[in-house]
Amino acid sequence: METFGNSKEFIKGSELKWEVAGDGLKRKIMGYDDKIMLVKVHFEIGAVGQLHEHYHSQVTYVESGSFDVTIDGVTKTLKGGDCFYIPPHAMHGAICTEAGVLIDVFSPIREDFMQ
């Protein structure tokens, strides 16, 4: 059986530990370098990604579940298979209405996630 170990190029999600990111929220940093980062975030129903802003560009793929996503005061309901883009400094957040997973891509990386 192939093992990936601590390879930065090949990452087995099953070997990564979830870290608590808030009430009903947990995340795994799946891969990164100094320019780009991919993060998997699991939301329990009712979990809230609080409104916030950051200087990073962000694209998020809704892997599963249902989310009321707000970007710059506009709210849309997104479900598995949908995605959204957040430009730098746009105020944004999400409320999970059906438990699910978001796949976030940031550029540059979220240094605050590395602490």
N, C-alpha and C. Protein backbone atom coordinates (compact mmCIF):
# COMPACT_ATOMS: atom_id res chain seq x y z
N MET A 1 0.84 -1.18 0.00
CA MET A 1 0.00 0.00 0.00
C MET A 1 0.89 1.24 0.00
N GLU A 2 0.54 2.20 -0.85
CA GLU A 2 1.31 3.44 -0.95
C GLU A 2 1.02 4.35 0.25
N THR A 3 2.06 4.94 0.76
CA THR A 3 1.89 5.91 1.83
C THR A 3 2.51 7.22 1.40
N PHE A 4 1.85 8.33 1.71
CA PHE A 4 2.33 9.64 1.27
C PHE A 4 3.19 10.32 2.31
N GLY A 5 3.09 9.89 3.56
CA GLY A 5 3.90 10.47 4.63
C GLY A 5 3.72 11.97 4.74
N ASN A 6 4.82 12.70 4.86
CA ASN A 6 4.77 14.14 5.03
C ASN A 6 5.00 14.90 3.72
N SER A 7 4.69 14.28 2.61
CA SER A 7 4.88 14.91 1.31
C SER A 7 4.02 16.16 1.18
N LYS A 8 4.60 17.23 0.66
CA LYS A 8 3.84 18.46 0.40
C LYS A 8 3.09 18.36 -0.92
N GLU A 9 3.57 17.49 -1.83
CA GLU A 9 2.97 17.36 -3.14
C GLU A 9 1.78 16.40 -3.15
N PHE A 10 1.81 15.36 -2.32
CA PHE A 10 0.75 14.36 -2.28
C PHE A 10 0.24 14.29 -0.85
N ILE A 11 -1.04 14.58 -0.68
CA ILE A 11 -1.60 14.70 0.67
C ILE A 11 -2.81 13.78 0.80
N LYS A 12 -2.79 12.91 1.78
CA LYS A 12 -3.93 12.04 2.06
C LYS A 12 -4.80 12.73 3.10
N GLY A 13 -5.99 13.11 2.68
CA GLY A 13 -6.91 13.79 3.58
C GLY A 13 -7.22 12.99 4.83
N SER A 14 -7.24 11.67 4.70
CA SER A 14 -7.56 10.81 5.85
C SER A 14 -6.47 10.86 6.92
N GLU A 15 -5.27 11.32 6.55
CA GLU A 15 -4.16 11.41 7.51
C GLU A 15 -4.07 12.78 8.19
N LEU A 16 -4.88 13.73 7.72
CA LEU A 16 -4.86 15.07 8.31
C LEU A 16 -5.88 15.14 9.43
N LYS A 17 -5.54 15.86 10.48
CA LYS A 17 -6.44 16.01 11.62
C LYS A 17 -7.31 17.24 11.42
N TRP A 18 -8.58 17.13 11.83
CA TRP A 18 -9.47 18.28 11.84
C TRP A 18 -9.05 19.21 12.97
N GLU A 19 -9.13 20.50 12.76
CA GLU A 19 -8.93 21.46 13.84
C GLU A 19 -10.23 22.24 14.03
N VAL A 20 -10.59 22.50 15.27
CA VAL A 20 -11.81 23.25 15.58
C VAL A 20 -11.62 24.69 15.12
N ALA A 21 -12.62 25.19 14.38
CA ALA A 21 -12.54 26.55 13.84
C ALA A 21 -13.66 27.43 14.37
N GLY A 22 -14.48 26.90 15.29
CA GLY A 22 -15.61 27.62 15.86
C GLY A 22 -16.70 26.64 16.24
N ASP A 23 -17.80 27.15 16.78
CA ASP A 23 -18.91 26.28 17.16
C ASP A 23 -19.49 25.61 15.91
N GLY A 24 -19.43 24.29 15.87
CA GLY A 24 -19.97 23.54 14.75
C GLY A 24 -19.12 23.61 13.49
N LEU A 25 -17.88 24.10 13.63
CA LEU A 25 -16.97 24.26 12.49
C LEU A 25 -15.66 23.53 12.75
N LYS A 26 -15.18 22.83 11.74
CA LYS A 26 -13.84 22.25 11.81
C LYS A 26 -13.23 22.33 10.43
N ARG A 27 -11.89 22.37 10.36
CA ARG A 27 -11.22 22.52 9.08
C ARG A 27 -9.96 21.69 9.01
N LYS A 28 -9.57 21.42 7.75
CA LYS A 28 -8.30 20.78 7.43
C LYS A 28 -7.63 21.64 6.37
N ILE A 29 -6.37 21.99 6.60
CA ILE A 29 -5.59 22.66 5.57
C ILE A 29 -5.04 21.56 4.67
N MET A 30 -5.54 21.53 3.45
CA MET A 30 -5.25 20.41 2.54
C MET A 30 -3.94 20.58 1.78
N GLY A 31 -3.57 21.81 1.47
CA GLY A 31 -2.33 22.04 0.74
C GLY A 31 -2.10 23.53 0.56
N TYR A 32 -0.81 23.90 0.45
CA TYR A 32 -0.50 25.32 0.31
C TYR A 32 0.96 25.50 -0.09
N ASP A 33 1.23 26.69 -0.60
CA ASP A 33 2.58 27.22 -0.71
C ASP A 33 2.45 28.70 -0.34
N ASP A 34 3.37 29.55 -0.74
CA ASP A 34 3.25 30.94 -0.32
C ASP A 34 2.24 31.73 -1.15
N LYS A 35 1.69 31.13 -2.23
CA LYS A 35 0.78 31.85 -3.12
C LYS A 35 -0.66 31.38 -3.07
N ILE A 36 -0.89 30.13 -2.67
CA ILE A 36 -2.24 29.56 -2.73
C ILE A 36 -2.44 28.55 -1.61
N MET A 37 -3.69 28.44 -1.15
CA MET A 37 -4.02 27.51 -0.06
C MET A 37 -5.41 26.93 -0.30
N LEU A 38 -5.55 25.63 -0.05
CA LEU A 38 -6.84 24.95 -0.13
C LEU A 38 -7.21 24.44 1.26
N VAL A 39 -8.44 24.77 1.70
CA VAL A 39 -8.89 24.42 3.04
C VAL A 39 -10.27 23.78 2.94
N LYS A 40 -10.45 22.65 3.60
CA LYS A 40 -11.73 21.95 3.67
C LYS A 40 -12.38 22.31 5.01
N VAL A 41 -13.62 22.81 4.96
CA VAL A 41 -14.30 23.25 6.18
C VAL A 41 -15.63 22.50 6.30
N HIS A 42 -15.80 21.81 7.44
CA HIS A 42 -17.04 21.08 7.72
C HIS A 42 -17.92 21.92 8.63
N PHE A 43 -19.18 22.10 8.24
CA PHE A 43 -20.16 22.87 9.02
C PHE A 43 -21.26 21.95 9.50
N GLU A 44 -21.59 22.03 10.78
CA GLU A 44 -22.80 21.41 11.30
C GLU A 44 -23.97 22.36 11.01
N ILE A 45 -25.18 21.82 10.95
CA ILE A 45 -26.34 22.67 10.70
C ILE A 45 -26.41 23.78 11.75
N GLY A 46 -26.65 24.99 11.31
CA GLY A 46 -26.72 26.14 12.20
C GLY A 46 -25.39 26.82 12.48
N ALA A 47 -24.28 26.20 12.08
CA ALA A 47 -22.97 26.82 12.30
C ALA A 47 -22.86 28.09 11.46
N VAL A 48 -22.13 29.06 12.02
CA VAL A 48 -22.03 30.36 11.37
C VAL A 48 -20.57 30.70 11.10
N GLY A 49 -20.29 31.01 9.85
CA GLY A 49 -19.01 31.64 9.50
C GLY A 49 -19.26 33.14 9.63
N GLN A 50 -18.81 33.73 10.73
CA GLN A 50 -19.11 35.13 11.04
C GLN A 50 -18.71 36.07 9.91
N LEU A 51 -19.45 37.17 9.77
CA LEU A 51 -19.08 38.19 8.80
C LEU A 51 -17.69 38.71 9.11
N HIS A 52 -16.86 38.77 8.08
CA HIS A 52 -15.48 39.24 8.23
C HIS A 52 -14.95 39.64 6.87
N GLU A 53 -13.77 40.21 6.85
CA GLU A 53 -13.10 40.53 5.59
C GLU A 53 -11.61 40.28 5.75
N HIS A 54 -10.95 40.08 4.61
CA HIS A 54 -9.50 39.89 4.60
C HIS A 54 -8.98 40.30 3.24
N TYR A 55 -7.69 40.49 3.13
CA TYR A 55 -7.09 40.99 1.89
C TYR A 55 -6.90 39.90 0.82
N HIS A 56 -7.20 38.66 1.16
CA HIS A 56 -7.01 37.54 0.23
C HIS A 56 -8.15 37.46 -0.76
N SER A 57 -7.87 36.98 -1.97
CA SER A 57 -8.92 36.56 -2.89
C SER A 57 -9.34 35.16 -2.44
N GLN A 58 -10.63 34.86 -2.58
CA GLN A 58 -11.14 33.56 -2.13
C GLN A 58 -12.16 33.04 -3.14
N VAL A 59 -12.03 31.76 -3.48
CA VAL A 59 -13.04 31.05 -4.24
C VAL A 59 -13.44 29.84 -3.40
N THR A 60 -14.75 29.62 -3.27
CA THR A 60 -15.23 28.52 -2.45
C THR A 60 -16.18 27.64 -3.25
N TYR A 61 -15.94 26.34 -3.19
CA TYR A 61 -16.79 25.33 -3.81
C TYR A 61 -17.63 24.69 -2.71
N VAL A 62 -18.93 24.62 -2.92
CA VAL A 62 -19.83 23.96 -1.98
C VAL A 62 -19.84 22.48 -2.34
N GLU A 63 -19.12 21.70 -1.54
CA GLU A 63 -19.05 20.25 -1.81
C GLU A 63 -20.37 19.58 -1.47
N SER A 64 -20.97 19.98 -0.34
CA SER A 64 -22.22 19.38 0.10
C SER A 64 -22.91 20.34 1.07
N GLY A 65 -24.18 20.07 1.34
CA GLY A 65 -24.93 20.89 2.28
C GLY A 65 -25.61 22.07 1.62
N SER A 66 -26.09 22.99 2.46
CA SER A 66 -26.76 24.19 2.00
C SER A 66 -26.33 25.35 2.90
N PHE A 67 -26.04 26.49 2.28
CA PHE A 67 -25.49 27.64 2.99
C PHE A 67 -26.14 28.93 2.51
N ASP A 68 -26.48 29.81 3.44
CA ASP A 68 -26.87 31.17 3.10
C ASP A 68 -25.59 31.98 3.16
N VAL A 69 -25.09 32.38 2.00
CA VAL A 69 -23.80 33.06 1.89
C VAL A 69 -24.06 34.54 1.61
N THR A 70 -23.41 35.40 2.40
CA THR A 70 -23.53 36.84 2.23
C THR A 70 -22.18 37.40 1.78
N ILE A 71 -22.20 38.19 0.69
CA ILE A 71 -21.01 38.88 0.20
C ILE A 71 -21.41 40.32 -0.06
N ASP A 72 -20.77 41.25 0.64
CA ASP A 72 -21.06 42.68 0.50
C ASP A 72 -22.55 42.99 0.56
N GLY A 73 -23.23 42.39 1.56
CA GLY A 73 -24.63 42.70 1.81
C GLY A 73 -25.64 41.94 0.97
N VAL A 74 -25.19 41.12 0.04
CA VAL A 74 -26.08 40.32 -0.80
C VAL A 74 -26.01 38.87 -0.33
N THR A 75 -27.20 38.27 -0.07
CA THR A 75 -27.25 36.90 0.43
C THR A 75 -27.92 36.00 -0.60
N LYS A 76 -27.29 34.86 -0.85
CA LYS A 76 -27.82 33.83 -1.76
C LYS A 76 -27.71 32.48 -1.06
N THR A 77 -28.65 31.58 -1.36
CA THR A 77 -28.59 30.21 -0.86
C THR A 77 -27.84 29.36 -1.90
N LEU A 78 -26.79 28.69 -1.43
CA LEU A 78 -25.96 27.86 -2.31
C LEU A 78 -25.95 26.43 -1.78
N LYS A 79 -25.95 25.48 -2.70
CA LYS A 79 -25.99 24.06 -2.36
C LYS A 79 -24.84 23.32 -3.05
N GLY A 80 -24.69 22.04 -2.70
CA GLY A 80 -23.63 21.22 -3.29
C GLY A 80 -23.53 21.41 -4.80
N GLY A 81 -22.31 21.65 -5.28
CA GLY A 81 -22.07 21.87 -6.70
C GLY A 81 -21.97 23.33 -7.09
N ASP A 82 -22.41 24.23 -6.19
CA ASP A 82 -22.32 25.68 -6.45
C ASP A 82 -20.97 26.20 -5.96
N CYS A 83 -20.65 27.43 -6.33
CA CYS A 83 -19.44 28.06 -5.83
C CYS A 83 -19.64 29.57 -5.75
N PHE A 84 -18.71 30.24 -5.07
CA PHE A 84 -18.76 31.69 -4.98
C PHE A 84 -17.35 32.25 -4.90
N TYR A 85 -17.22 33.51 -5.34
CA TYR A 85 -15.95 34.23 -5.33
C TYR A 85 -16.08 35.42 -4.39
N ILE A 86 -15.04 35.63 -3.57
CA ILE A 86 -14.99 36.76 -2.65
C ILE A 86 -13.76 37.59 -2.98
N PRO A 87 -13.96 38.81 -3.48
CA PRO A 87 -12.80 39.66 -3.77
C PRO A 87 -12.14 40.15 -2.49
N PRO A 88 -10.91 40.60 -2.58
CA PRO A 88 -10.23 41.13 -1.39
C PRO A 88 -11.06 42.23 -0.71
N HIS A 89 -11.09 42.18 0.61
CA HIS A 89 -11.73 43.16 1.49
C HIS A 89 -13.25 43.19 1.41
N ALA A 90 -13.88 42.25 0.72
CA ALA A 90 -15.34 42.17 0.71
C ALA A 90 -15.82 41.55 2.02
N MET A 91 -16.79 42.17 2.67
CA MET A 91 -17.36 41.62 3.90
C MET A 91 -18.19 40.39 3.51
N HIS A 92 -17.94 39.28 4.20
CA HIS A 92 -18.62 38.04 3.83
C HIS A 92 -18.79 37.11 5.03
N GLY A 93 -19.73 36.17 4.90
CA GLY A 93 -19.98 35.18 5.93
C GLY A 93 -20.97 34.15 5.41
N ALA A 94 -21.21 33.11 6.19
CA ALA A 94 -22.12 32.04 5.78
C ALA A 94 -22.83 31.45 6.99
N ILE A 95 -24.07 31.04 6.76
CA ILE A 95 -24.84 30.31 7.77
C ILE A 95 -25.20 28.97 7.14
N CYS A 96 -24.91 27.90 7.85
CA CYS A 96 -25.17 26.55 7.34
C CYS A 96 -26.62 26.16 7.65
N THR A 97 -27.40 25.90 6.60
CA THR A 97 -28.80 25.50 6.76
C THR A 97 -29.01 24.00 6.59
N GLU A 98 -28.00 23.32 6.07
CA GLU A 98 -27.97 21.86 5.97
C GLU A 98 -26.51 21.45 6.07
N ALA A 99 -26.17 20.61 7.04
CA ALA A 99 -24.77 20.25 7.30
C ALA A 99 -24.05 19.95 5.99
N GLY A 100 -22.81 20.44 5.91
CA GLY A 100 -22.07 20.23 4.68
C GLY A 100 -20.62 20.67 4.76
N VAL A 101 -19.99 20.70 3.59
CA VAL A 101 -18.56 20.98 3.48
C VAL A 101 -18.33 22.05 2.43
N LEU A 102 -17.47 23.02 2.78
CA LEU A 102 -17.01 24.03 1.84
C LEU A 102 -15.53 23.78 1.57
N ILE A 103 -15.12 23.96 0.32
CA ILE A 103 -13.72 23.87 -0.07
C ILE A 103 -13.27 25.28 -0.44
N ASP A 104 -12.44 25.87 0.41
CA ASP A 104 -11.96 27.24 0.23
C ASP A 104 -10.59 27.25 -0.43
N VAL A 105 -10.41 28.16 -1.39
CA VAL A 105 -9.11 28.40 -2.00
C VAL A 105 -8.78 29.87 -1.76
N PHE A 106 -7.61 30.14 -1.19
CA PHE A 106 -7.17 31.49 -0.88
C PHE A 106 -5.88 31.81 -1.63
N SER A 107 -5.78 33.07 -2.05
CA SER A 107 -4.52 33.57 -2.60
C SER A 107 -4.34 35.00 -2.13
N PRO A 108 -3.20 35.31 -1.50
CA PRO A 108 -2.18 34.36 -1.05
C PRO A 108 -2.72 33.54 0.13
N ILE A 109 -1.86 32.77 0.76
CA ILE A 109 -2.31 31.89 1.83
C ILE A 109 -2.79 32.68 3.04
N ARG A 110 -3.65 32.05 3.84
CA ARG A 110 -4.12 32.64 5.09
C ARG A 110 -3.09 32.33 6.18
N GLU A 111 -2.18 33.26 6.39
CA GLU A 111 -1.12 33.07 7.39
C GLU A 111 -1.71 32.86 8.78
N ASP A 112 -2.87 33.49 9.04
CA ASP A 112 -3.50 33.35 10.35
C ASP A 112 -3.97 31.91 10.61
N PHE A 113 -4.19 31.12 9.58
CA PHE A 113 -4.58 29.71 9.75
C PHE A 113 -3.38 28.86 10.15
N MET A 114 -2.18 29.36 9.94
CA MET A 114 -0.97 28.58 10.20
C MET A 114 -0.51 28.67 11.66
N GLN A 115 -1.13 29.51 12.45
CA GLN A 115 -0.68 29.71 13.84
C GLN A 115 -1.30 28.71 14.78
